[in-house]
Amino acid sequence: MNALLERKAALAEDTMIRAIAPVMKKRHAEQAKKDRKARTNAALSRLGIPLRVV
């Protein structure tokens, strides 16, 4: 019975990961894009260049 419960738990976890993964990938891509712009703007401001990436 314990093996059956372990298998059910693994299947449920796998199902949840498959359902959540596309949303997480999209959110990560959006955050990485914002972060890239922020890093570029910070580097430009440190160099004293009055240019911003929007």
C-alpha atoms as a PDB file:
ATOM      1  CA  MET A   1       0.000   0.000   0.000  1.00  0.00           C
ATOM      2  CA  ASN A   2       2.866   2.360   0.781  1.00  0.00           C
ATOM      3  CA  ALA A   3       4.325   1.923  -2.705  1.00  0.00           C
ATOM      4  CA  LEU A   4       0.947   2.764  -4.206  1.00  0.00           C
ATOM      5  CA  LEU A   5       0.711   5.972  -2.159  1.00  0.00           C
ATOM      6  CA  GLU A   6       4.254   6.954  -3.174  1.00  0.00           C
ATOM      7  CA  ARG A   7       3.395   6.400  -6.837  1.00  0.00           C
ATOM      8  CA  LYS A   8       0.205   8.471  -6.537  1.00  0.00           C
ATOM      9  CA  ALA A   9       2.103  11.277  -4.819  1.00  0.00           C
ATOM     10  CA  ALA A  10       4.782  11.273  -7.524  1.00  0.00           C
ATOM     11  CA  LEU A  11       2.129  11.367 -10.237  1.00  0.00           C
ATOM     12  CA  ALA A  12       0.291  14.231  -8.538  1.00  0.00           C
ATOM     13  CA  GLU A  13       3.540  16.194  -8.171  1.00  0.00           C
ATOM     14  CA  ASP A  14       4.411  15.596 -11.819  1.00  0.00           C
ATOM     15  CA  THR A  15       0.946  16.751 -12.895  1.00  0.00           C
ATOM     16  CA  MET A  16       1.245  19.946 -10.840  1.00  0.00           C
ATOM     17  CA  ILE A  17       4.682  20.703 -12.282  1.00  0.00           C
ATOM     18  CA  ARG A  18       3.388  20.217 -15.823  1.00  0.00           C
ATOM     19  CA  ALA A  19       0.473  22.576 -15.131  1.00  0.00           C
ATOM     20  CA  ILE A  20       2.605  25.291 -13.524  1.00  0.00           C
ATOM     21  CA  ALA A  21       5.726  25.133 -15.738  1.00  0.00           C
ATOM     22  CA  PRO A  22       4.436  27.189 -18.727  1.00  0.00           C
ATOM     23  CA  VAL A  23       3.349  30.035 -16.443  1.00  0.00           C
ATOM     24  CA  MET A  24       6.680  29.973 -14.625  1.00  0.00           C
ATOM     25  CA  LYS A  25       8.601  30.051 -17.900  1.00  0.00           C
ATOM     26  CA  LYS A  26       6.587  33.035 -19.122  1.00  0.00           C
ATOM     27  CA  ARG A  27       7.020  34.907 -15.831  1.00  0.00           C
ATOM     28  CA  HIS A  28      10.756  34.185 -15.828  1.00  0.00           C
ATOM     29  CA  ALA A  29      11.140  35.440 -19.403  1.00  0.00           C
ATOM     30  CA  GLU A  30       9.332  38.689 -18.575  1.00  0.00           C
ATOM     31  CA  GLN A  31      11.424  39.218 -15.446  1.00  0.00           C
ATOM     32  CA  ALA A  32      14.671  38.466 -17.288  1.00  0.00           C
ATOM     33  CA  LYS A  33      13.748  40.999 -19.964  1.00  0.00           C
ATOM     34  CA  LYS A  34      13.073  43.680 -17.338  1.00  0.00           C
ATOM     35  CA  ASP A  35      16.241  42.785 -15.459  1.00  0.00           C
ATOM     36  CA  ARG A  36      18.340  43.038 -18.638  1.00  0.00           C
ATOM     37  CA  LYS A  37      17.057  46.564 -19.252  1.00  0.00           C
ATOM     38  CA  ALA A  38      17.692  47.557 -15.634  1.00  0.00           C
ATOM     39  CA  ARG A  39      21.268  46.258 -15.776  1.00  0.00           C
ATOM     40  CA  THR A  40      21.911  48.103 -19.046  1.00  0.00           C
ATOM     41  CA  ASN A  41      20.484  51.342 -17.666  1.00  0.00           C
ATOM     42  CA  ALA A  42      22.540  51.007 -14.477  1.00  0.00           C
ATOM     43  CA  ALA A  43      25.734  50.433 -16.463  1.00  0.00           C
ATOM     44  CA  LEU A  44      25.038  53.443 -18.683  1.00  0.00           C
ATOM     45  CA  SER A  45      24.333  55.671 -15.682  1.00  0.00           C
ATOM     46  CA  ARG A  46      27.559  54.556 -13.983  1.00  0.00           C
ATOM     47  CA  LEU A  47      29.449  55.554 -17.116  1.00  0.00           C
ATOM     48  CA  GLY A  48      27.694  58.912 -17.129  1.00  0.00           C
ATOM     49  CA  ILE A  49      25.953  58.328 -20.440  1.00  0.00           C
ATOM     50  CA  PRO A  50      22.545  60.082 -20.452  1.00  0.00           C
ATOM     51  CA  LEU A  51      20.851  57.334 -22.435  1.00  0.00           C
ATOM     52  CA  ARG A  52      18.202  54.913 -21.217  1.00  0.00           C
ATOM     53  CA  VAL A  53      16.905  51.687 -22.689  1.00  0.00           C
ATOM     54  CA  VAL A  54      13.119  51.695 -22.514  1.00  0.00           C
END
